[in-house]
Amino acid sequence: MADEIFDLLEDLFDRRREKKGKKGKGAKERSADEVATAPARQPAFIFCSDCGTKNESGARFCQDCGALLPAPGPEPQCPSCGRPAPITAKFCNACGTRLRAS
């Protein structure tokens, strides 16, 4: 459990560092061409949007409840304000826009 939390926090800090444009220790300067052609980083795991179980990144179905897992890709965003929104969110926590039915 502690390892899972550590992995989540590490991933969040990496994303934040990338957004702010900061470089980690020993990071080299990359050209715009290298950045544009670099492969997208796949998450090491996918959380089930129905039950919240952690599944491996290549899984198509949840190992706990059998639900179809979300396809890897860009993080879902609020259509109104553009802020990232969790898959399970019904409303945007920034502007209150309804994100999904039910």
PDB file of N, CA and C in Angstrom:
ATOM      1  N   MET A   1       0.814  -1.190   0.000  1.00  0.00           N
ATOM      2  CA  MET A   1       0.000   0.000   0.000  1.00  0.00           C
ATOM      3  C   MET A   1       0.863   1.262   0.000  1.00  0.00           C
ATOM      4  N   ALA A   2       1.908   1.258   0.837  1.00  0.00           N
ATOM      5  CA  ALA A   2       2.789   2.426   0.903  1.00  0.00           C
ATOM      6  C   ALA A   2       3.518   2.623  -0.421  1.00  0.00           C
ATOM      7  N   ASP A   3       3.904   1.527  -1.083  1.00  0.00           N
ATOM      8  CA  ASP A   3       4.581   1.628  -2.380  1.00  0.00           C
ATOM      9  C   ASP A   3       3.656   2.246  -3.423  1.00  0.00           C
ATOM     10  N   GLU A   4       2.374   1.880  -3.403  1.00  0.00           N
ATOM     11  CA  GLU A   4       1.413   2.432  -4.357  1.00  0.00           C
ATOM     12  C   GLU A   4       1.254   3.933  -4.156  1.00  0.00           C
ATOM     13  N   ILE A   5       1.161   4.355  -2.903  1.00  0.00           N
ATOM     14  CA  ILE A   5       1.030   5.779  -2.595  1.00  0.00           C
ATOM     15  C   ILE A   5       2.290   6.518  -3.023  1.00  0.00           C
ATOM     16  N   PHE A   6       3.453   5.933  -2.748  1.00  0.00           N
ATOM     17  CA  PHE A   6       4.710   6.549  -3.137  1.00  0.00           C
ATOM     18  C   PHE A   6       4.768   6.713  -4.659  1.00  0.00           C
ATOM     19  N   ASP A   7       4.366   5.666  -5.413  1.00  0.00           N
ATOM     20  CA  ASP A   7       4.362   5.742  -6.878  1.00  0.00           C
ATOM     21  C   ASP A   7       3.428   6.833  -7.371  1.00  0.00           C
ATOM     22  N   LEU A   8       2.256   6.958  -6.761  1.00  0.00           N
ATOM     23  CA  LEU A   8       1.314   8.009  -7.148  1.00  0.00           C
ATOM     24  C   LEU A   8       1.900   9.400  -6.908  1.00  0.00           C
ATOM     25  N   LEU A   9       2.468   9.589  -5.735  1.00  0.00           N
ATOM     26  CA  LEU A   9       3.053  10.891  -5.416  1.00  0.00           C
ATOM     27  C   LEU A   9       4.221  11.226  -6.332  1.00  0.00           C
ATOM     28  N   GLU A  10       5.054  10.232  -6.619  1.00  0.00           N
ATOM     29  CA  GLU A  10       6.193  10.446  -7.502  1.00  0.00           C
ATOM     30  C   GLU A  10       5.716  10.855  -8.892  1.00  0.00           C
ATOM     31  N   ASP A  11       4.674  10.198  -9.400  1.00  0.00           N
ATOM     32  CA  ASP A  11       4.122  10.532 -10.705  1.00  0.00           C
ATOM     33  C   ASP A  11       3.541  11.945 -10.716  1.00  0.00           C
ATOM     34  N   LEU A  12       2.836  12.311  -9.648  1.00  0.00           N
ATOM     35  CA  LEU A  12       2.270  13.658  -9.565  1.00  0.00           C
ATOM     36  C   LEU A  12       3.359  14.727  -9.542  1.00  0.00           C
ATOM     37  N   PHE A  13       4.435  14.491  -8.782  1.00  0.00           N
ATOM     38  CA  PHE A  13       5.522  15.459  -8.740  1.00  0.00           C
ATOM     39  C   PHE A  13       6.214  15.568 -10.089  1.00  0.00           C
ATOM     40  N   ASP A  14       6.367  14.433 -10.792  1.00  0.00           N
ATOM     41  CA  ASP A  14       6.975  14.470 -12.122  1.00  0.00           C
ATOM     42  C   ASP A  14       6.133  15.305 -13.078  1.00  0.00           C
ATOM     43  N   ARG A  15       4.826  15.090 -13.055  1.00  0.00           N
ATOM     44  CA  ARG A  15       3.927  15.866 -13.930  1.00  0.00           C
ATOM     45  C   ARG A  15       3.999  17.350 -13.615  1.00  0.00           C
ATOM     46  N   ARG A  16       3.992  17.674 -12.323  1.00  0.00           N
ATOM     47  CA  ARG A  16       4.041  19.082 -11.927  1.00  0.00           C
ATOM     48  C   ARG A  16       5.354  19.722 -12.364  1.00  0.00           C
ATOM     49  N   ARG A  17       6.447  18.980 -12.204  1.00  0.00           N
ATOM     50  CA  ARG A  17       7.760  19.488 -12.600  1.00  0.00           C
ATOM     51  C   ARG A  17       7.792  19.736 -14.107  1.00  0.00           C
ATOM     52  N   GLU A  18       7.207  18.821 -14.885  1.00  0.00           N
ATOM     53  CA  GLU A  18       7.159  18.983 -16.335  1.00  0.00           C
ATOM     54  C   GLU A  18       6.324  20.193 -16.728  1.00  0.00           C
ATOM     55  N   LYS A  19       5.193  20.403 -16.059  1.00  0.00           N
ATOM     56  CA  LYS A  19       4.330  21.539 -16.365  1.00  0.00           C
ATOM     57  C   LYS A  19       5.012  22.868 -16.079  1.00  0.00           C
ATOM     58  N   LYS A  20       5.774  22.915 -15.001  1.00  0.00           N
ATOM     59  CA  LYS A  20       6.454  24.153 -14.635  1.00  0.00           C
ATOM     60  C   LYS A  20       7.731  24.371 -15.425  1.00  0.00           C
ATOM     61  N   GLY A  21       8.158  23.339 -16.168  1.00  0.00           N
ATOM     62  CA  GLY A  21       9.355  23.489 -16.981  1.00  0.00           C
ATOM     63  C   GLY A  21      10.648  23.340 -16.206  1.00  0.00           C
ATOM     64  N   LYS A  22      10.568  22.831 -14.980  1.00  0.00           N
ATOM     65  CA  LYS A  22      11.779  22.621 -14.197  1.00  0.00           C
ATOM     66  C   LYS A  22      12.434  21.328 -14.633  1.00  0.00           C
ATOM     67  N   LYS A  23      13.719  21.259 -14.437  1.00  0.00           N
ATOM     68  CA  LYS A  23      14.460  20.051 -14.790  1.00  0.00           C
ATOM     69  C   LYS A  23      14.931  19.364 -13.524  1.00  0.00           C
ATOM     70  N   GLY A  24      14.889  18.040 -13.544  1.00  0.00           N
ATOM     71  CA  GLY A  24      15.372  17.259 -12.404  1.00  0.00           C
ATOM     72  C   GLY A  24      16.889  17.223 -12.397  1.00  0.00           C
ATOM     73  N   LYS A  25      17.464  16.591 -11.392  1.00  0.00           N
ATOM     74  CA  LYS A  25      18.917  16.469 -11.290  1.00  0.00           C
ATOM     75  C   LYS A  25      19.456  15.697 -12.477  1.00  0.00           C
ATOM     76  N   GLY A  26      20.472  16.229 -13.105  1.00  0.00           N
ATOM     77  CA  GLY A  26      21.134  15.539 -14.202  1.00  0.00           C
ATOM     78  C   GLY A  26      20.362  15.561 -15.512  1.00  0.00           C
ATOM     79  N   ALA A  27      19.302  16.324 -15.593  1.00  0.00           N
ATOM     80  CA  ALA A  27      18.521  16.375 -16.839  1.00  0.00           C
ATOM     81  C   ALA A  27      19.284  17.189 -17.869  1.00  0.00           C
ATOM     82  N   LYS A  28      19.262  16.707 -19.124  1.00  0.00           N
ATOM     83  CA  LYS A  28      19.963  17.447 -20.166  1.00  0.00           C
ATOM     84  C   LYS A  28      18.974  18.298 -20.956  1.00  0.00           C
ATOM     85  N   GLU A  29      19.479  19.306 -21.598  1.00  0.00           N
ATOM     86  CA  GLU A  29      18.663  20.187 -22.432  1.00  0.00           C
ATOM     87  C   GLU A  29      18.250  19.439 -23.686  1.00  0.00           C
ATOM     88  N   ARG A  30      16.953  19.459 -24.023  1.00  0.00           N
ATOM     89  CA  ARG A  30      16.483  18.773 -25.229  1.00  0.00           C
ATOM     90  C   ARG A  30      15.968  19.794 -26.225  1.00  0.00           C
ATOM     91  N   SER A  31      16.210  19.514 -27.501  1.00  0.00           N
ATOM     92  CA  SER A  31      15.750  20.420 -28.546  1.00  0.00           C
ATOM     93  C   SER A  31      14.258  20.241 -28.745  1.00  0.00           C
ATOM     94  N   ALA A  32      13.624  21.179 -29.448  1.00  0.00           N
ATOM     95  CA  ALA A  32      12.190  21.114 -29.720  1.00  0.00           C
ATOM     96  C   ALA A  32      11.846  19.882 -30.558  1.00  0.00           C
ATOM     97  N   ASP A  33      12.749  19.488 -31.481  1.00  0.00           N
ATOM     98  CA  ASP A  33      12.515  18.302 -32.304  1.00  0.00           C
ATOM     99  C   ASP A  33      12.508  17.034 -31.454  1.00  0.00           C
ATOM    100  N   GLU A  34      13.419  16.945 -30.487  1.00  0.00           N
ATOM    101  CA  GLU A  34      13.478  15.777 -29.611  1.00  0.00           C
ATOM    102  C   GLU A  34      12.218  15.669 -28.760  1.00  0.00           C
ATOM    103  N   VAL A  35      11.730  16.802 -28.279  1.00  0.00           N
ATOM    104  CA  VAL A  35      10.528  16.813 -27.456  1.00  0.00           C
ATOM    105  C   VAL A  35       9.317  16.404 -28.286  1.00  0.00           C
ATOM    106  N   ALA A  36       9.219  16.910 -29.514  1.00  0.00           N
ATOM    107  CA  ALA A  36       8.066  16.613 -30.370  1.00  0.00           C
ATOM    108  C   ALA A  36       8.029  15.157 -30.796  1.00  0.00           C
ATOM    109  N   THR A  37       9.201  14.525 -30.980  1.00  0.00           N
ATOM    110  CA  THR A  37       9.233  13.147 -31.449  1.00  0.00           C
ATOM    111  C   THR A  37       9.367  12.126 -30.322  1.00  0.00           C
ATOM    112  N   ALA A  38       9.493  12.600 -29.089  1.00  0.00           N
ATOM    113  CA  ALA A  38       9.633  11.682 -27.959  1.00  0.00           C
ATOM    114  C   ALA A  38       8.339  10.910 -27.754  1.00  0.00           C
ATOM    115  N   PRO A  39       8.415   9.604 -27.477  1.00  0.00           N
ATOM    116  CA  PRO A  39       7.195   8.832 -27.257  1.00  0.00           C
ATOM    117  C   PRO A  39       6.494   9.275 -25.978  1.00  0.00           C
ATOM    118  N   ALA A  40       5.160   9.212 -25.988  1.00  0.00           N
ATOM    119  CA  ALA A  40       4.390   9.595 -24.810  1.00  0.00           C
ATOM    120  C   ALA A  40       4.640   8.586 -23.698  1.00  0.00           C
ATOM    121  N   ARG A  41       4.758   9.087 -22.498  1.00  0.00           N
ATOM    122  CA  ARG A  41       5.019   8.221 -21.352  1.00  0.00           C
ATOM    123  C   ARG A  41       3.724   7.546 -20.914  1.00  0.00           C
ATOM    124  N   GLN A  42       3.741   6.223 -20.887  1.00  0.00           N
ATOM    125  CA  GLN A  42       2.575   5.453 -20.465  1.00  0.00           C
ATOM    126  C   GLN A  42       2.579   5.331 -18.948  1.00  0.00           C
ATOM    127  N   PRO A  43       1.412   5.460 -18.319  1.00  0.00           N
ATOM    128  CA  PRO A  43       1.381   5.245 -16.876  1.00  0.00           C
ATOM    129  C   PRO A  43       1.674   3.784 -16.555  1.00  0.00           C
ATOM    130  N   ALA A  44       2.234   3.522 -15.394  1.00  0.00           N
ATOM    131  CA  ALA A  44       2.580   2.159 -15.001  1.00  0.00           C
ATOM    132  C   ALA A  44       1.341   1.366 -14.598  1.00  0.00           C
ATOM    133  N   PHE A  45       0.228   2.056 -14.397  1.00  0.00           N
ATOM    134  CA  PHE A  45      -0.996   1.379 -13.983  1.00  0.00           C
ATOM    135  C   PHE A  45      -2.203   2.221 -14.364  1.00  0.00           C
ATOM    136  N   ILE A  46      -3.373   1.589 -14.341  1.00  0.00           N
ATOM    137  CA  ILE A  46      -4.631   2.262 -14.640  1.00  0.00           C
ATOM    138  C   ILE A  46      -5.603   1.938 -13.511  1.00  0.00           C
ATOM    139  N   PHE A  47      -6.287   2.950 -13.004  1.00  0.00           N
ATOM    140  CA  PHE A  47      -7.294   2.717 -11.983  1.00  0.00           C
ATOM    141  C   PHE A  47      -8.649   2.503 -12.642  1.00  0.00           C
ATOM    142  N   CYS A  48      -9.396   1.540 -12.134  1.00  0.00           N
ATOM    143  CA  CYS A  48     -10.742   1.246 -12.639  1.00  0.00           C
ATOM    144  C   CYS A  48     -11.665   2.403 -12.286  1.00  0.00           C
ATOM    145  N   SER A  49     -12.433   2.882 -13.259  1.00  0.00           N
ATOM    146  CA  SER A  49     -13.350   3.988 -13.004  1.00  0.00           C
ATOM    147  C   SER A  49     -14.596   3.543 -12.245  1.00  0.00           C
ATOM    148  N   ASP A  50     -14.864   2.223 -12.184  1.00  0.00           N
ATOM    149  CA  ASP A  50     -16.032   1.725 -11.447  1.00  0.00           C
ATOM    150  C   ASP A  50     -15.723   1.447  -9.978  1.00  0.00           C
ATOM    151  N   CYS A  51     -14.632   0.697  -9.719  1.00  0.00           N
ATOM    152  CA  CYS A  51     -14.358   0.282  -8.335  1.00  0.00           C
ATOM    153  C   CYS A  51     -13.076   0.875  -7.752  1.00  0.00           C
ATOM    154  N   GLY A  52     -12.225   1.482  -8.588  1.00  0.00           N
ATOM    155  CA  GLY A  52     -11.007   2.123  -8.101  1.00  0.00           C
ATOM    156  C   GLY A  52      -9.811   1.208  -7.944  1.00  0.00           C
ATOM    157  N   THR A  53      -9.916  -0.046  -8.367  1.00  0.00           N
ATOM    158  CA  THR A  53      -8.808  -0.992  -8.238  1.00  0.00           C
ATOM    159  C   THR A  53      -7.661  -0.615  -9.168  1.00  0.00           C
ATOM    160  N   LYS A  54      -6.426  -0.785  -8.683  1.00  0.00           N
ATOM    161  CA  LYS A  54      -5.228  -0.512  -9.478  1.00  0.00           C
ATOM    162  C   LYS A  54      -4.953  -1.714 -10.378  1.00  0.00           C
ATOM    163  N   ASN A  55      -4.848  -1.483 -11.688  1.00  0.00           N
ATOM    164  CA  ASN A  55      -4.584  -2.523 -12.674  1.00  0.00           C
ATOM    165  C   ASN A  55      -3.328  -2.183 -13.457  1.00  0.00           C
ATOM    166  N   GLU A  56      -2.675  -3.190 -14.028  1.00  0.00           N
ATOM    167  CA  GLU A  56      -1.487  -2.955 -14.842  1.00  0.00           C
ATOM    168  C   GLU A  56      -1.857  -2.147 -16.083  1.00  0.00           C
ATOM    169  N   SER A  57      -0.877  -1.435 -16.649  1.00  0.00           N
ATOM    170  CA  SER A  57      -1.147  -0.524 -17.759  1.00  0.00           C
ATOM    171  C   SER A  57      -1.669  -1.214 -19.014  1.00  0.00           C
ATOM    172  N   GLY A  58      -1.312  -2.468 -19.265  1.00  0.00           N
ATOM    173  CA  GLY A  58      -1.763  -3.147 -20.470  1.00  0.00           C
ATOM    174  C   GLY A  58      -3.123  -3.806 -20.341  1.00  0.00           C
ATOM    175  N   ALA A  59      -3.723  -3.775 -19.163  1.00  0.00           N
ATOM    176  CA  ALA A  59      -4.999  -4.455 -18.929  1.00  0.00           C
ATOM    177  C   ALA A  59      -6.145  -3.744 -19.648  1.00  0.00           C
ATOM    178  N   ARG A  60      -7.097  -4.529 -20.142  1.00  0.00           N
ATOM    179  CA  ARG A  60      -8.287  -3.967 -20.787  1.00  0.00           C
ATOM    180  C   ARG A  60      -9.498  -4.036 -19.871  1.00  0.00           C
ATOM    181  N   PHE A  61      -9.475  -5.007 -18.922  1.00  0.00           N
ATOM    182  CA  PHE A  61     -10.581  -5.181 -17.995  1.00  0.00           C
ATOM    183  C   PHE A  61     -10.060  -5.185 -16.569  1.00  0.00           C
ATOM    184  N   CYS A  62     -10.872  -4.706 -15.630  1.00  0.00           N
ATOM    185  CA  CYS A  62     -10.490  -4.645 -14.222  1.00  0.00           C
ATOM    186  C   CYS A  62     -10.349  -6.049 -13.654  1.00  0.00           C
ATOM    187  N   GLN A  63      -9.285  -6.266 -12.911  1.00  0.00           N
ATOM    188  CA  GLN A  63      -9.045  -7.577 -12.315  1.00  0.00           C
ATOM    189  C   GLN A  63      -9.959  -7.848 -11.125  1.00  0.00           C
ATOM    190  N   ASP A  64     -10.615  -6.824 -10.604  1.00  0.00           N
ATOM    191  CA  ASP A  64     -11.476  -7.010  -9.442  1.00  0.00           C
ATOM    192  C   ASP A  64     -12.956  -7.107  -9.818  1.00  0.00           C
ATOM    193  N   CYS A  65     -13.434  -6.171 -10.658  1.00  0.00           N
ATOM    194  CA  CYS A  65     -14.870  -6.159 -10.967  1.00  0.00           C
ATOM    195  C   CYS A  65     -15.182  -6.530 -12.417  1.00  0.00           C
ATOM    196  N   GLY A  66     -14.174  -6.614 -13.289  1.00  0.00           N
ATOM    197  CA  GLY A  66     -14.385  -7.005 -14.677  1.00  0.00           C
ATOM    198  C   GLY A  66     -14.835  -5.885 -15.599  1.00  0.00           C
ATOM    199  N   ALA A  67     -14.917  -4.666 -15.107  1.00  0.00           N
ATOM    200  CA  ALA A  67     -15.349  -3.535 -15.932  1.00  0.00           C
ATOM    201  C   ALA A  67     -14.284  -3.183 -16.969  1.00  0.00           C
ATOM    202  N   LEU A  68     -14.722  -2.650 -18.099  1.00  0.00           N
ATOM    203  CA  LEU A  68     -13.811  -2.191 -19.140  1.00  0.00           C
ATOM    204  C   LEU A  68     -13.029  -1.000 -18.604  1.00  0.00           C
ATOM    205  N   LEU A  69     -11.705  -1.063 -18.711  1.00  0.00           N
ATOM    206  CA  LEU A  69     -10.855   0.014 -18.205  1.00  0.00           C
ATOM    207  C   LEU A  69     -10.759   1.144 -19.220  1.00  0.00           C
ATOM    208  N   PRO A  70     -10.525   2.370 -18.759  1.00  0.00           N
ATOM    209  CA  PRO A  70     -10.376   3.487 -19.687  1.00  0.00           C
ATOM    210  C   PRO A  70      -9.140   3.307 -20.554  1.00  0.00           C
ATOM    211  N   ALA A  71      -9.228   3.733 -21.792  1.00  0.00           N
ATOM    212  CA  ALA A  71      -8.101   3.643 -22.706  1.00  0.00           C
ATOM    213  C   ALA A  71      -7.023   4.636 -22.280  1.00  0.00           C
ATOM    214  N   PRO A  72      -5.746   4.234 -22.398  1.00  0.00           N
ATOM    215  CA  PRO A  72      -4.693   5.195 -22.059  1.00  0.00           C
ATOM    216  C   PRO A  72      -4.729   6.356 -23.038  1.00  0.00           C
ATOM    217  N   GLY A  73      -4.422   7.484 -22.556  1.00  0.00           N
ATOM    218  CA  GLY A  73      -4.433   8.675 -23.400  1.00  0.00           C
ATOM    219  C   GLY A  73      -4.366   9.912 -22.541  1.00  0.00           C
ATOM    220  N   PRO A  74      -4.735  11.045 -23.114  1.00  0.00           N
ATOM    221  CA  PRO A  74      -4.662  12.278 -22.342  1.00  0.00           C
ATOM    222  C   PRO A  74      -5.650  12.271 -21.180  1.00  0.00           C
ATOM    223  N   GLU A  75      -5.309  13.015 -20.166  1.00  0.00           N
ATOM    224  CA  GLU A  75      -6.152  13.125 -18.986  1.00  0.00           C
ATOM    225  C   GLU A  75      -7.465  13.808 -19.361  1.00  0.00           C
ATOM    226  N   PRO A  76      -8.618  13.310 -18.865  1.00  0.00           N
ATOM    227  CA  PRO A  76      -9.886  13.981 -19.162  1.00  0.00           C
ATOM    228  C   PRO A  76      -9.880  15.401 -18.613  1.00  0.00           C
ATOM    229  N   GLN A  77     -10.542  16.298 -19.347  1.00  0.00           N
ATOM    230  CA  GLN A  77     -10.589  17.698 -18.929  1.00  0.00           C
ATOM    231  C   GLN A  77     -12.016  18.209 -18.933  1.00  0.00           C
ATOM    232  N   CYS A  78     -12.247  19.229 -18.130  1.00  0.00           N
ATOM    233  CA  CYS A  78     -13.550  19.883 -18.089  1.00  0.00           C
ATOM    234  C   CYS A  78     -13.769  20.605 -19.418  1.00  0.00           C
ATOM    235  N   PRO A  79     -14.922  20.421 -20.075  1.00  0.00           N
ATOM    236  CA  PRO A  79     -15.164  21.100 -21.346  1.00  0.00           C
ATOM    237  C   PRO A  79     -15.340  22.603 -21.194  1.00  0.00           C
ATOM    238  N   SER A  80     -15.669  23.051 -19.994  1.00  0.00           N
ATOM    239  CA  SER A  80     -15.900  24.471 -19.773  1.00  0.00           C
ATOM    240  C   SER A  80     -14.627  25.247 -19.461  1.00  0.00           C
ATOM    241  N   CYS A  81     -13.847  24.755 -18.476  1.00  0.00           N
ATOM    242  CA  CYS A  81     -12.660  25.515 -18.046  1.00  0.00           C
ATOM    243  C   CYS A  81     -11.341  24.858 -18.442  1.00  0.00           C
ATOM    244  N   GLY A  82     -11.377  23.584 -18.893  1.00  0.00           N
ATOM    245  CA  GLY A  82     -10.163  22.913 -19.341  1.00  0.00           C
ATOM    246  C   GLY A  82      -9.308  22.317 -18.241  1.00  0.00           C
ATOM    247  N   ARG A  83      -9.754  22.387 -17.019  1.00  0.00           N
ATOM    248  CA  ARG A  83      -8.979  21.833 -15.901  1.00  0.00           C
ATOM    249  C   ARG A  83      -9.068  20.304 -15.906  1.00  0.00           C
ATOM    250  N   PRO A  84      -7.966  19.588 -15.596  1.00  0.00           N
ATOM    251  CA  PRO A  84      -8.017  18.126 -15.534  1.00  0.00           C
ATOM    252  C   PRO A  84      -9.072  17.657 -14.540  1.00  0.00           C
ATOM    253  N   ALA A  85      -9.781  16.579 -14.923  1.00  0.00           N
ATOM    254  CA  ALA A  85     -10.840  16.043 -14.064  1.00  0.00           C
ATOM    255  C   ALA A  85     -10.702  14.532 -13.969  1.00  0.00           C
ATOM    256  N   PRO A  86     -10.831  13.954 -12.777  1.00  0.00           N
ATOM    257  CA  PRO A  86     -10.780  12.507 -12.643  1.00  0.00           C
ATOM    258  C   PRO A  86     -11.900  11.846 -13.448  1.00  0.00           C
ATOM    259  N   ILE A  87     -11.668  10.622 -13.905  1.00  0.00           N
ATOM    260  CA  ILE A  87     -12.652   9.905 -14.703  1.00  0.00           C
ATOM    261  C   ILE A  87     -13.955   9.727 -13.942  1.00  0.00           C
ATOM    262  N   THR A  88     -13.879   9.527 -12.642  1.00  0.00           N
ATOM    263  CA  THR A  88     -15.071   9.260 -11.843  1.00  0.00           C
ATOM    264  C   THR A  88     -15.817  10.515 -11.409  1.00  0.00           C
ATOM    265  N   ALA A  89     -15.269  11.707 -11.705  1.00  0.00           N
ATOM    266  CA  ALA A  89     -15.907  12.952 -11.271  1.00  0.00           C
ATOM    267  C   ALA A  89     -17.202  13.205 -12.034  1.00  0.00           C
ATOM    268  N   LYS A  90     -18.208  13.641 -11.300  1.00  0.00           N
ATOM    269  CA  LYS A  90     -19.489  13.999 -11.916  1.00  0.00           C
ATOM    270  C   LYS A  90     -19.537  15.487 -12.234  1.00  0.00           C
ATOM    271  N   PHE A  91     -18.815  16.285 -11.438  1.00  0.00           N
ATOM    272  CA  PHE A  91     -18.773  17.730 -11.628  1.00  0.00           C
ATOM    273  C   PHE A  91     -17.335  18.220 -11.555  1.00  0.00           C
ATOM    274  N   CYS A  92     -17.034  19.295 -12.258  1.00  0.00           N
ATOM    275  CA  CYS A  92     -15.707  19.913 -12.199  1.00  0.00           C
ATOM    276  C   CYS A  92     -15.562  20.593 -10.842  1.00  0.00           C
ATOM    277  N   ASN A  93     -14.433  20.368 -10.169  1.00  0.00           N
ATOM    278  CA  ASN A  93     -14.248  20.977  -8.857  1.00  0.00           C
ATOM    279  C   ASN A  93     -13.776  22.428  -8.953  1.00  0.00           C
ATOM    280  N   ALA A  94     -13.511  22.909 -10.163  1.00  0.00           N
ATOM    281  CA  ALA A  94     -13.087  24.302 -10.336  1.00  0.00           C
ATOM    282  C   ALA A  94     -14.259  25.210 -10.705  1.00  0.00           C
ATOM    283  N   CYS A  95     -15.107  24.756 -11.658  1.00  0.00           N
ATOM    284  CA  CYS A  95     -16.191  25.631 -12.129  1.00  0.00           C
ATOM    285  C   CYS A  95     -17.581  25.060 -11.908  1.00  0.00           C
ATOM    286  N   GLY A  96     -17.691  23.783 -11.501  1.00  0.00           N
ATOM    287  CA  GLY A  96     -19.004  23.206 -11.202  1.00  0.00           C
ATOM    288  C   GLY A  96     -19.746  22.638 -12.389  1.00  0.00           C
ATOM    289  N   THR A  97     -19.134  22.631 -13.566  1.00  0.00           N
ATOM    290  CA  THR A  97     -19.788  22.101 -14.767  1.00  0.00           C
ATOM    291  C   THR A  97     -20.035  20.600 -14.618  1.00  0.00           C
ATOM    292  N   ARG A  98     -21.208  20.129 -15.046  1.00  0.00           N
ATOM    293  CA  ARG A  98     -21.531  18.719 -14.992  1.00  0.00           C
ATOM    294  C   ARG A  98     -20.656  17.995 -16.034  1.00  0.00           C
ATOM    295  N   LEU A  99     -19.940  16.953 -15.604  1.00  0.00           N
ATOM    296  CA  LEU A  99     -19.018  16.248 -16.486  1.00  0.00           C
ATOM    297  C   LEU A  99     -19.617  14.984 -17.084  1.00  0.00           C
ATOM    298  N   ARG A 100     -20.477  14.299 -16.339  1.00  0.00           N
ATOM    299  CA  ARG A 100     -21.104  13.076 -16.856  1.00  0.00           C
ATOM    300  C   ARG A 100     -22.451  12.888 -16.187  1.00  0.00           C
ATOM    301  N   ALA A 101     -23.303  12.129 -16.859  1.00  0.00           N
ATOM    302  CA  ALA A 101     -24.635  11.843 -16.325  1.00  0.00           C
ATOM    303  C   ALA A 101     -24.551  10.789 -15.245  1.00  0.00           C
ATOM    304  N   SER A 102     -25.501  10.802 -14.347  1.00  0.00           N
ATOM    305  CA  SER A 102     -25.699   9.878 -13.214  1.00  0.00           C
ATOM    306  C   SER A 102     -24.832  10.258 -12.127  1.00  0.00           C
TER     307      SER A 102
END
